Amino acid sequence: MSDKTIQVKSWGEGQGDFVLINESDFDENFHELFGSKKLSAKEVKAAKLLDDTKAALTEKGIAFEDGADQATLQALLDQAA
Protein backbone atom coordinates (compact mmCIF):
# COMPACT_ATOMS: atom_id res chain seq x y z
CA MET A 1 0.00 0.00 0.00
CA SER A 2 1.34 3.38 -0.97
CA ASP A 3 1.35 6.43 1.28
CA LYS A 4 1.87 8.69 -1.73
CA THR A 5 -0.72 11.40 -2.25
CA ILE A 6 -1.65 13.28 -5.39
CA GLN A 7 -3.52 16.48 -6.17
CA VAL A 8 -6.81 16.20 -8.04
CA LYS A 9 -9.19 18.92 -9.15
CA SER A 10 -11.87 19.59 -6.57
CA TRP A 11 -15.35 18.24 -7.26
CA GLY A 12 -17.37 20.09 -4.65
CA GLU A 13 -17.91 23.50 -3.11
CA GLY A 14 -15.52 24.68 -0.44
CA GLN A 15 -12.73 22.29 -1.41
CA GLY A 16 -10.46 24.89 -2.94
CA ASP A 17 -8.58 24.44 -6.20
CA PHE A 18 -7.48 20.88 -5.47
CA VAL A 19 -7.93 17.98 -3.07
CA LEU A 20 -5.19 15.63 -1.84
CA ILE A 21 -6.08 11.94 -2.18
CA ASN A 22 -4.15 8.71 -1.86
CA GLU A 23 -2.64 7.74 -5.19
CA SER A 24 -4.25 4.30 -4.81
CA ASP A 25 -7.70 5.93 -4.58
CA PHE A 26 -7.37 7.73 -7.93
CA ASP A 27 -10.25 6.84 -10.29
CA GLU A 28 -9.71 8.16 -13.82
CA ASN A 29 -13.47 8.01 -14.42
CA PHE A 30 -14.09 10.44 -11.54
CA HIS A 31 -10.90 12.34 -10.74
CA GLU A 32 -8.82 14.68 -12.87
CA LEU A 33 -5.23 15.39 -11.93
CA PHE A 34 -4.73 18.97 -10.80
CA GLY A 35 -2.42 20.84 -13.15
CA SER A 36 -2.45 18.04 -15.67
CA LYS A 37 -2.18 18.80 -19.33
CA LYS A 38 -2.83 16.78 -22.42
CA LEU A 39 0.39 15.35 -23.83
CA SER A 40 1.40 16.22 -27.36
CA ALA A 41 1.90 13.46 -29.93
CA LYS A 42 5.67 13.99 -29.61
CA GLU A 43 5.52 13.56 -25.82
CA VAL A 44 3.40 10.41 -26.15
CA LYS A 45 5.86 8.97 -28.69
CA ALA A 46 8.83 9.78 -26.42
CA ALA A 47 7.13 8.19 -23.41
CA LYS A 48 6.36 5.04 -25.41
CA LEU A 49 9.97 4.81 -26.62
CA LEU A 50 11.20 5.20 -23.03
CA ASP A 51 8.80 2.48 -21.81
CA ASP A 52 9.79 0.16 -24.68
CA THR A 53 13.50 0.66 -23.97
CA LYS A 54 12.98 -0.04 -20.26
CA ALA A 55 11.05 -3.19 -21.14
CA ALA A 56 13.84 -4.37 -23.46
CA LEU A 57 16.45 -3.78 -20.75
CA THR A 58 14.36 -5.61 -18.17
CA GLU A 59 13.85 -8.52 -20.57
CA LYS A 60 17.63 -8.79 -21.00
CA GLY A 61 18.18 -8.58 -17.22
CA ILE A 62 20.02 -5.27 -17.44
CA ALA A 63 19.67 -3.04 -14.37
CA PHE A 64 19.05 0.69 -14.79
CA GLU A 65 18.17 3.67 -12.62
CA ASP A 66 14.48 4.61 -12.45
CA GLY A 67 15.15 8.24 -13.39
CA ALA A 68 17.50 7.46 -16.29
CA ASP A 69 16.84 9.33 -19.53
CA GLN A 70 16.31 7.77 -22.97
CA ALA A 71 19.90 8.38 -24.15
CA THR A 72 21.35 6.62 -21.10
CA LEU A 73 18.97 3.68 -21.41
CA GLN A 74 19.62 3.35 -25.15
CA ALA A 75 23.38 3.32 -24.51
CA LEU A 76 22.93 0.45 -22.04
CA LEU A 77 20.83 -1.43 -24.57
CA ASP A 78 23.36 -0.81 -27.36
CA GLN A 79 26.22 -2.09 -25.17
CA ALA A 80 24.33 -5.33 -24.58
CA ALA A 81 23.86 -5.98 -28.30
PDB file of N, CA and C in Angstrom:
ATOM      1  N   MET A   1       0.846  -1.191   0.000  1.00  0.00           N
ATOM      2  CA  MET A   1       0.000   0.000   0.000  1.00  0.00           C
ATOM      3  C   MET A   1       0.882   1.241   0.000  1.00  0.00           C
ATOM      4  N   SER A   2       0.539   2.172  -0.815  1.00  0.00           N
ATOM      5  CA  SER A   2       1.336   3.380  -0.973  1.00  0.00           C
ATOM      6  C   SER A   2       0.804   4.503  -0.090  1.00  0.00           C
ATOM      7  N   ASP A   3       1.723   5.257   0.501  1.00  0.00           N
ATOM      8  CA  ASP A   3       1.346   6.428   1.283  1.00  0.00           C
ATOM      9  C   ASP A   3       1.411   7.684   0.431  1.00  0.00           C
ATOM     10  N   LYS A   4       1.717   7.544  -0.840  1.00  0.00           N
ATOM     11  CA  LYS A   4       1.872   8.692  -1.728  1.00  0.00           C
ATOM     12  C   LYS A   4       0.515   9.337  -1.988  1.00  0.00           C
ATOM     13  N   THR A   5       0.503  10.664  -1.949  1.00  0.00           N
ATOM     14  CA  THR A   5      -0.723  11.396  -2.246  1.00  0.00           C
ATOM     15  C   THR A   5      -0.537  12.190  -3.531  1.00  0.00           C
ATOM     16  N   ILE A   6      -1.660  12.496  -4.158  1.00  0.00           N
ATOM     17  CA  ILE A   6      -1.651  13.278  -5.390  1.00  0.00           C
ATOM     18  C   ILE A   6      -2.698  14.373  -5.289  1.00  0.00           C
ATOM     19  N   GLN A   7      -2.555  15.393  -6.114  1.00  0.00           N
ATOM     20  CA  GLN A   7      -3.519  16.483  -6.172  1.00  0.00           C
ATOM     21  C   GLN A   7      -4.486  16.226  -7.319  1.00  0.00           C
ATOM     22  N   VAL A   8      -5.785  16.306  -7.006  1.00  0.00           N
ATOM     23  CA  VAL A   8      -6.812  16.195  -8.043  1.00  0.00           C
ATOM     24  C   VAL A   8      -7.672  17.445  -7.987  1.00  0.00           C
ATOM     25  N   LYS A   9      -8.290  17.769  -9.123  1.00  0.00           N
ATOM     26  CA  LYS A   9      -9.187  18.923  -9.154  1.00  0.00           C
ATOM     27  C   LYS A   9     -10.345  18.680  -8.209  1.00  0.00           C
ATOM     28  N   SER A  10     -10.752  19.726  -7.516  1.00  0.00           N
ATOM     29  CA  SER A  10     -11.866  19.594  -6.574  1.00  0.00           C
ATOM     30  C   SER A  10     -13.158  19.307  -7.315  1.00  0.00           C
ATOM     31  N   TRP A  11     -14.078  18.618  -6.641  1.00  0.00           N
ATOM     32  CA  TRP A  11     -15.349  18.236  -7.261  1.00  0.00           C
ATOM     33  C   TRP A  11     -16.545  18.764  -6.482  1.00  0.00           C
ATOM     34  N   GLY A  12     -16.267  19.545  -5.438  1.00  0.00           N
ATOM     35  CA  GLY A  12     -17.368  20.086  -4.651  1.00  0.00           C
ATOM     36  C   GLY A  12     -17.056  21.474  -4.135  1.00  0.00           C
ATOM     37  N   GLU A  13     -18.085  22.155  -3.643  1.00  0.00           N
ATOM     38  CA  GLU A  13     -17.910  23.503  -3.108  1.00  0.00           C
ATOM     39  C   GLU A  13     -17.070  23.476  -1.844  1.00  0.00           C
ATOM     40  N   GLY A  14     -16.286  24.518  -1.654  1.00  0.00           N
ATOM     41  CA  GLY A  14     -15.518  24.680  -0.436  1.00  0.00           C
ATOM     42  C   GLY A  14     -14.263  23.823  -0.363  1.00  0.00           C
ATOM     43  N   GLN A  15     -13.918  23.142  -1.441  1.00  0.00           N
ATOM     44  CA  GLN A  15     -12.732  22.287  -1.413  1.00  0.00           C
ATOM     45  C   GLN A  15     -11.474  23.013  -1.881  1.00  0.00           C
ATOM     46  N   GLY A  16     -11.613  24.188  -2.405  1.00  0.00           N
ATOM     47  CA  GLY A  16     -10.457  24.893  -2.936  1.00  0.00           C
ATOM     48  C   GLY A  16     -10.166  24.454  -4.357  1.00  0.00           C
ATOM     49  N   ASP A  17      -8.963  24.767  -4.821  1.00  0.00           N
ATOM     50  CA  ASP A  17      -8.585  24.445  -6.197  1.00  0.00           C
ATOM     51  C   ASP A  17      -8.330  22.956  -6.402  1.00  0.00           C
ATOM     52  N   PHE A  18      -7.798  22.299  -5.356  1.00  0.00           N
ATOM     53  CA  PHE A  18      -7.482  20.879  -5.474  1.00  0.00           C
ATOM     54  C   PHE A  18      -7.725  20.166  -4.150  1.00  0.00           C
ATOM     55  N   VAL A  19      -7.751  18.836  -4.236  1.00  0.00           N
ATOM     56  CA  VAL A  19      -7.925  17.976  -3.067  1.00  0.00           C
ATOM     57  C   VAL A  19      -6.788  16.958  -3.100  1.00  0.00           C
ATOM     58  N   LEU A  20      -6.207  16.677  -1.935  1.00  0.00           N
ATOM     59  CA  LEU A  20      -5.194  15.628  -1.843  1.00  0.00           C
ATOM     60  C   LEU A  20      -5.891  14.297  -1.596  1.00  0.00           C
ATOM     61  N   ILE A  21      -5.548  13.290  -2.394  1.00  0.00           N
ATOM     62  CA  ILE A  21      -6.081  11.945  -2.185  1.00  0.00           C
ATOM     63  C   ILE A  21      -4.923  10.954  -2.255  1.00  0.00           C
ATOM     64  N   ASN A  22      -5.143   9.765  -1.721  1.00  0.00           N
ATOM     65  CA  ASN A  22      -4.147   8.712  -1.859  1.00  0.00           C
ATOM     66  C   ASN A  22      -4.055   8.327  -3.326  1.00  0.00           C
ATOM     67  N   GLU A  23      -2.841   8.117  -3.792  1.00  0.00           N
ATOM     68  CA  GLU A  23      -2.644   7.738  -5.189  1.00  0.00           C
ATOM     69  C   GLU A  23      -3.439   6.474  -5.528  1.00  0.00           C
ATOM     70  N   SER A  24      -3.529   5.557  -4.574  1.00  0.00           N
ATOM     71  CA  SER A  24      -4.246   4.299  -4.810  1.00  0.00           C
ATOM     72  C   SER A  24      -5.752   4.500  -4.944  1.00  0.00           C
ATOM     73  N   ASP A  25      -6.266   5.649  -4.492  1.00  0.00           N
ATOM     74  CA  ASP A  25      -7.701   5.934  -4.583  1.00  0.00           C
ATOM     75  C   ASP A  25      -8.083   6.653  -5.874  1.00  0.00           C
ATOM     76  N   PHE A  26      -7.099   6.988  -6.696  1.00  0.00           N
ATOM     77  CA  PHE A  26      -7.374   7.726  -7.928  1.00  0.00           C
ATOM     78  C   PHE A  26      -8.233   6.890  -8.870  1.00  0.00           C
ATOM     79  N   ASP A  27      -9.337   7.482  -9.338  1.00  0.00           N
ATOM     80  CA  ASP A  27     -10.250   6.835 -10.287  1.00  0.00           C
ATOM     81  C   ASP A  27     -10.336   7.748 -11.505  1.00  0.00           C
ATOM     82  N   GLU A  28      -9.760   7.299 -12.623  1.00  0.00           N
ATOM     83  CA  GLU A  28      -9.709   8.158 -13.816  1.00  0.00           C
ATOM     84  C   GLU A  28     -11.091   8.487 -14.362  1.00  0.00           C
ATOM     85  N   ASN A  29     -12.104   7.727 -13.975  1.00  0.00           N
ATOM     86  CA  ASN A  29     -13.472   8.015 -14.418  1.00  0.00           C
ATOM     87  C   ASN A  29     -14.129   9.106 -13.578  1.00  0.00           C
ATOM     88  N   PHE A  30     -13.521   9.430 -12.432  1.00  0.00           N
ATOM     89  CA  PHE A  30     -14.094  10.438 -11.543  1.00  0.00           C
ATOM     90  C   PHE A  30     -13.142  11.609 -11.320  1.00  0.00           C
ATOM     91  N   HIS A  31     -11.878  11.316 -11.075  1.00  0.00           N
ATOM     92  CA  HIS A  31     -10.897  12.344 -10.738  1.00  0.00           C
ATOM     93  C   HIS A  31     -10.175  12.865 -11.978  1.00  0.00           C
ATOM     94  N   GLU A  32      -9.693  14.094 -11.854  1.00  0.00           N
ATOM     95  CA  GLU A  32      -8.823  14.677 -12.875  1.00  0.00           C
ATOM     96  C   GLU A  32      -7.624  15.252 -12.151  1.00  0.00           C
ATOM     97  N   LEU A  33      -6.430  14.886 -12.586  1.00  0.00           N
ATOM     98  CA  LEU A  33      -5.233  15.387 -11.931  1.00  0.00           C
ATOM     99  C   LEU A  33      -5.206  16.907 -11.978  1.00  0.00           C
ATOM    100  N   PHE A  34      -4.840  17.518 -10.877  1.00  0.00           N
ATOM    101  CA  PHE A  34      -4.735  18.969 -10.799  1.00  0.00           C
ATOM    102  C   PHE A  34      -3.460  19.391 -11.515  1.00  0.00           C
ATOM    103  N   GLY A  35      -3.579  20.338 -12.415  1.00  0.00           N
ATOM    104  CA  GLY A  35      -2.422  20.840 -13.146  1.00  0.00           C
ATOM    105  C   GLY A  35      -2.002  19.937 -14.287  1.00  0.00           C
ATOM    106  N   SER A  36      -2.813  18.941 -14.576  1.00  0.00           N
ATOM    107  CA  SER A  36      -2.446  18.035 -15.667  1.00  0.00           C
ATOM    108  C   SER A  36      -2.717  18.706 -17.006  1.00  0.00           C
ATOM    109  N   LYS A  37      -1.973  18.278 -17.983  1.00  0.00           N
ATOM    110  CA  LYS A  37      -2.175  18.797 -19.326  1.00  0.00           C
ATOM    111  C   LYS A  37      -2.185  17.623 -20.281  1.00  0.00           C
ATOM    112  N   LYS A  38      -2.794  17.825 -21.402  1.00  0.00           N
ATOM    113  CA  LYS A  38      -2.834  16.777 -22.418  1.00  0.00           C
ATOM    114  C   LYS A  38      -1.464  16.725 -23.090  1.00  0.00           C
ATOM    115  N   LEU A  39      -0.916  15.511 -23.203  1.00  0.00           N
ATOM    116  CA  LEU A  39       0.389  15.349 -23.826  1.00  0.00           C
ATOM    117  C   LEU A  39       0.295  15.518 -25.337  1.00  0.00           C
ATOM    118  N   SER A  40       1.331  16.098 -25.900  1.00  0.00           N
ATOM    119  CA  SER A  40       1.395  16.224 -27.358  1.00  0.00           C
ATOM    120  C   SER A  40       1.746  14.864 -27.954  1.00  0.00           C
ATOM    121  N   ALA A  41       1.566  14.719 -29.249  1.00  0.00           N
ATOM    122  CA  ALA A  41       1.903  13.462 -29.931  1.00  0.00           C
ATOM    123  C   ALA A  41       3.390  13.148 -29.758  1.00  0.00           C
ATOM    124  N   LYS A  42       4.225  14.178 -29.785  1.00  0.00           N
ATOM    125  CA  LYS A  42       5.667  13.992 -29.613  1.00  0.00           C
ATOM    126  C   LYS A  42       5.981  13.468 -28.210  1.00  0.00           C
ATOM    127  N   GLU A  43       5.305  14.013 -27.195  1.00  0.00           N
ATOM    128  CA  GLU A  43       5.520  13.562 -25.821  1.00  0.00           C
ATOM    129  C   GLU A  43       5.043  12.126 -25.628  1.00  0.00           C
ATOM    130  N   VAL A  44       3.926  11.777 -26.241  1.00  0.00           N
ATOM    131  CA  VAL A  44       3.402  10.412 -26.151  1.00  0.00           C
ATOM    132  C   VAL A  44       4.382   9.440 -26.805  1.00  0.00           C
ATOM    133  N   LYS A  45       4.906   9.812 -27.966  1.00  0.00           N
ATOM    134  CA  LYS A  45       5.865   8.966 -28.688  1.00  0.00           C
ATOM    135  C   LYS A  45       7.139   8.777 -27.860  1.00  0.00           C
ATOM    136  N   ALA A  46       7.624   9.854 -27.246  1.00  0.00           N
ATOM    137  CA  ALA A  46       8.834   9.781 -26.424  1.00  0.00           C
ATOM    138  C   ALA A  46       8.609   8.895 -25.198  1.00  0.00           C
ATOM    139  N   ALA A  47       7.446   9.012 -24.576  1.00  0.00           N
ATOM    140  CA  ALA A  47       7.129   8.189 -23.406  1.00  0.00           C
ATOM    141  C   ALA A  47       7.048   6.718 -23.787  1.00  0.00           C
ATOM    142  N   LYS A  48       6.465   6.429 -24.948  1.00  0.00           N
ATOM    143  CA  LYS A  48       6.363   5.040 -25.412  1.00  0.00           C
ATOM    144  C   LYS A  48       7.745   4.475 -25.697  1.00  0.00           C
ATOM    145  N   LEU A  49       8.607   5.254 -26.335  1.00  0.00           N
ATOM    146  CA  LEU A  49       9.968   4.815 -26.618  1.00  0.00           C
ATOM    147  C   LEU A  49      10.711   4.523 -25.318  1.00  0.00           C
ATOM    148  N   LEU A  50      10.556   5.391 -24.330  1.00  0.00           N
ATOM    149  CA  LEU A  50      11.196   5.197 -23.034  1.00  0.00           C
ATOM    150  C   LEU A  50      10.697   3.911 -22.385  1.00  0.00           C
ATOM    151  N   ASP A  51       9.386   3.697 -22.387  1.00  0.00           N
ATOM    152  CA  ASP A  51       8.805   2.480 -21.811  1.00  0.00           C
ATOM    153  C   ASP A  51       9.287   1.238 -22.548  1.00  0.00           C
ATOM    154  N   ASP A  52       9.338   1.299 -23.876  1.00  0.00           N
ATOM    155  CA  ASP A  52       9.793   0.160 -24.678  1.00  0.00           C
ATOM    156  C   ASP A  52      11.261  -0.164 -24.400  1.00  0.00           C
ATOM    157  N   THR A  53      12.080   0.874 -24.251  1.00  0.00           N
ATOM    158  CA  THR A  53      13.500   0.664 -23.967  1.00  0.00           C
ATOM    159  C   THR A  53      13.679   0.054 -22.586  1.00  0.00           C
ATOM    160  N   LYS A  54      12.925   0.542 -21.604  1.00  0.00           N
ATOM    161  CA  LYS A  54      12.983  -0.036 -20.255  1.00  0.00           C
ATOM    162  C   LYS A  54      12.556  -1.502 -20.282  1.00  0.00           C
ATOM    163  N   ALA A  55      11.521  -1.809 -21.036  1.00  0.00           N
ATOM    164  CA  ALA A  55      11.047  -3.191 -21.138  1.00  0.00           C
ATOM    165  C   ALA A  55      12.116  -4.083 -21.766  1.00  0.00           C
ATOM    166  N   ALA A  56      12.787  -3.593 -22.801  1.00  0.00           N
ATOM    167  CA  ALA A  56      13.841  -4.368 -23.460  1.00  0.00           C
ATOM    168  C   ALA A  56      15.007  -4.621 -22.506  1.00  0.00           C
ATOM    169  N   LEU A  57      15.376  -3.615 -21.728  1.00  0.00           N
ATOM    170  CA  LEU A  57      16.455  -3.781 -20.752  1.00  0.00           C
ATOM    171  C   LEU A  57      16.066  -4.791 -19.680  1.00  0.00           C
ATOM    172  N   THR A  58      14.848  -4.686 -19.195  1.00  0.00           N
ATOM    173  CA  THR A  58      14.364  -5.609 -18.171  1.00  0.00           C
ATOM    174  C   THR A  58      14.352  -7.038 -18.704  1.00  0.00           C
ATOM    175  N   GLU A  59      13.901  -7.197 -19.930  1.00  0.00           N
ATOM    176  CA  GLU A  59      13.848  -8.523 -20.565  1.00  0.00           C
ATOM    177  C   GLU A  59      15.240  -9.142 -20.673  1.00  0.00           C
ATOM    178  N   LYS A  60      16.255  -8.305 -20.886  1.00  0.00           N
ATOM    179  CA  LYS A  60      17.633  -8.787 -21.003  1.00  0.00           C
ATOM    180  C   LYS A  60      18.317  -8.895 -19.641  1.00  0.00           C
ATOM    181  N   GLY A  61      17.605  -8.503 -18.567  1.00  0.00           N
ATOM    182  CA  GLY A  61      18.175  -8.581 -17.223  1.00  0.00           C
ATOM    183  C   GLY A  61      19.188  -7.493 -16.926  1.00  0.00           C
ATOM    184  N   ILE A  62      19.089  -6.379 -17.622  1.00  0.00           N
ATOM    185  CA  ILE A  62      20.023  -5.267 -17.444  1.00  0.00           C
ATOM    186  C   ILE A  62      19.417  -4.259 -16.473  1.00  0.00           C
ATOM    187  N   ALA A  63      20.147  -3.989 -15.388  1.00  0.00           N
ATOM    188  CA  ALA A  63      19.671  -3.044 -14.374  1.00  0.00           C
ATOM    189  C   ALA A  63      19.872  -1.607 -14.857  1.00  0.00           C
ATOM    190  N   PHE A  64      18.958  -0.731 -14.443  1.00  0.00           N
ATOM    191  CA  PHE A  64      19.052   0.688 -14.789  1.00  0.00           C
ATOM    192  C   PHE A  64      18.379   1.502 -13.696  1.00  0.00           C
ATOM    193  N   GLU A  65      18.755   2.773 -13.606  1.00  0.00           N
ATOM    194  CA  GLU A  65      18.166   3.668 -12.616  1.00  0.00           C
ATOM    195  C   GLU A  65      16.782   4.106 -13.073  1.00  0.00           C
ATOM    196  N   ASP A  66      15.856   4.227 -12.121  1.00  0.00           N
ATOM    197  CA  ASP A  66      14.483   4.613 -12.448  1.00  0.00           C
ATOM    198  C   ASP A  66      14.402   5.944 -13.187  1.00  0.00           C
ATOM    199  N   GLY A  67      15.223   6.901 -12.801  1.00  0.00           N
ATOM    200  CA  GLY A  67      15.150   8.235 -13.392  1.00  0.00           C
ATOM    201  C   GLY A  67      16.021   8.435 -14.623  1.00  0.00           C
ATOM    202  N   ALA A  68      16.592   7.344 -15.143  1.00  0.00           N
ATOM    203  CA  ALA A  68      17.498   7.465 -16.287  1.00  0.00           C
ATOM    204  C   ALA A  68      16.756   7.972 -17.525  1.00  0.00           C
ATOM    205  N   ASP A  69      17.456   8.794 -18.315  1.00  0.00           N
ATOM    206  CA  ASP A  69      16.836   9.332 -19.531  1.00  0.00           C
ATOM    207  C   ASP A  69      16.990   8.354 -20.701  1.00  0.00           C
ATOM    208  N   GLN A  70      16.333   8.651 -21.801  1.00  0.00           N
ATOM    209  CA  GLN A  70      16.313   7.766 -22.967  1.00  0.00           C
ATOM    210  C   GLN A  70      17.715   7.508 -23.509  1.00  0.00           C
ATOM    211  N   ALA A  71      18.545   8.542 -23.592  1.00  0.00           N
ATOM    212  CA  ALA A  71      19.896   8.376 -24.147  1.00  0.00           C
ATOM    213  C   ALA A  71      20.718   7.401 -23.310  1.00  0.00           C
ATOM    214  N   THR A  72      20.618   7.515 -21.996  1.00  0.00           N
ATOM    215  CA  THR A  72      21.346   6.618 -21.097  1.00  0.00           C
ATOM    216  C   THR A  72      20.862   5.186 -21.245  1.00  0.00           C
ATOM    217  N   LEU A  73      19.541   5.021 -21.280  1.00  0.00           N
ATOM    218  CA  LEU A  73      18.970   3.683 -21.415  1.00  0.00           C
ATOM    219  C   LEU A  73      19.331   3.066 -22.762  1.00  0.00           C
ATOM    220  N   GLN A  74      19.285   3.861 -23.819  1.00  0.00           N
ATOM    221  CA  GLN A  74      19.620   3.349 -25.150  1.00  0.00           C
ATOM    222  C   GLN A  74      21.077   2.923 -25.205  1.00  0.00           C
ATOM    223  N   ALA A  75      21.962   3.682 -24.542  1.00  0.00           N
ATOM    224  CA  ALA A  75      23.383   3.323 -24.510  1.00  0.00           C
ATOM    225  C   ALA A  75      23.574   1.978 -23.817  1.00  0.00           C
ATOM    226  N   LEU A  76      22.862   1.745 -22.726  1.00  0.00           N
ATOM    227  CA  LEU A  76      22.932   0.449 -22.041  1.00  0.00           C
ATOM    228  C   LEU A  76      22.463  -0.676 -22.959  1.00  0.00           C
ATOM    229  N   LEU A  77      21.387  -0.429 -23.662  1.00  0.00           N
ATOM    230  CA  LEU A  77      20.834  -1.433 -24.568  1.00  0.00           C
ATOM    231  C   LEU A  77      21.797  -1.711 -25.730  1.00  0.00           C
ATOM    232  N   ASP A  78      22.409  -0.658 -26.264  1.00  0.00           N
ATOM    233  CA  ASP A  78      23.362  -0.810 -27.364  1.00  0.00           C
ATOM    234  C   ASP A  78      24.598  -1.602 -26.927  1.00  0.00           C
ATOM    235  N   GLN A  79      25.053  -1.376 -25.693  1.00  0.00           N
ATOM    236  CA  GLN A  79      26.221  -2.087 -25.174  1.00  0.00           C
ATOM    237  C   GLN A  79      25.944  -3.583 -25.044  1.00  0.00           C
ATOM    238  N   ALA A  80      24.698  -3.929 -24.774  1.00  0.00           N
ATOM    239  CA  ALA A  80      24.330  -5.332 -24.583  1.00  0.00           C
ATOM    240  C   ALA A  80      24.180  -6.072 -25.905  1.00  0.00           C
ATOM    241  N   ALA A  81      24.095  -5.342 -26.992  1.00  0.00           N
ATOM    242  CA  ALA A  81      23.860  -5.979 -28.305  1.00  0.00           C
ATOM    243  C   ALA A  81      25.103  -6.603 -28.881  1.00  0.00           C
TER     244      ALA A  81
END
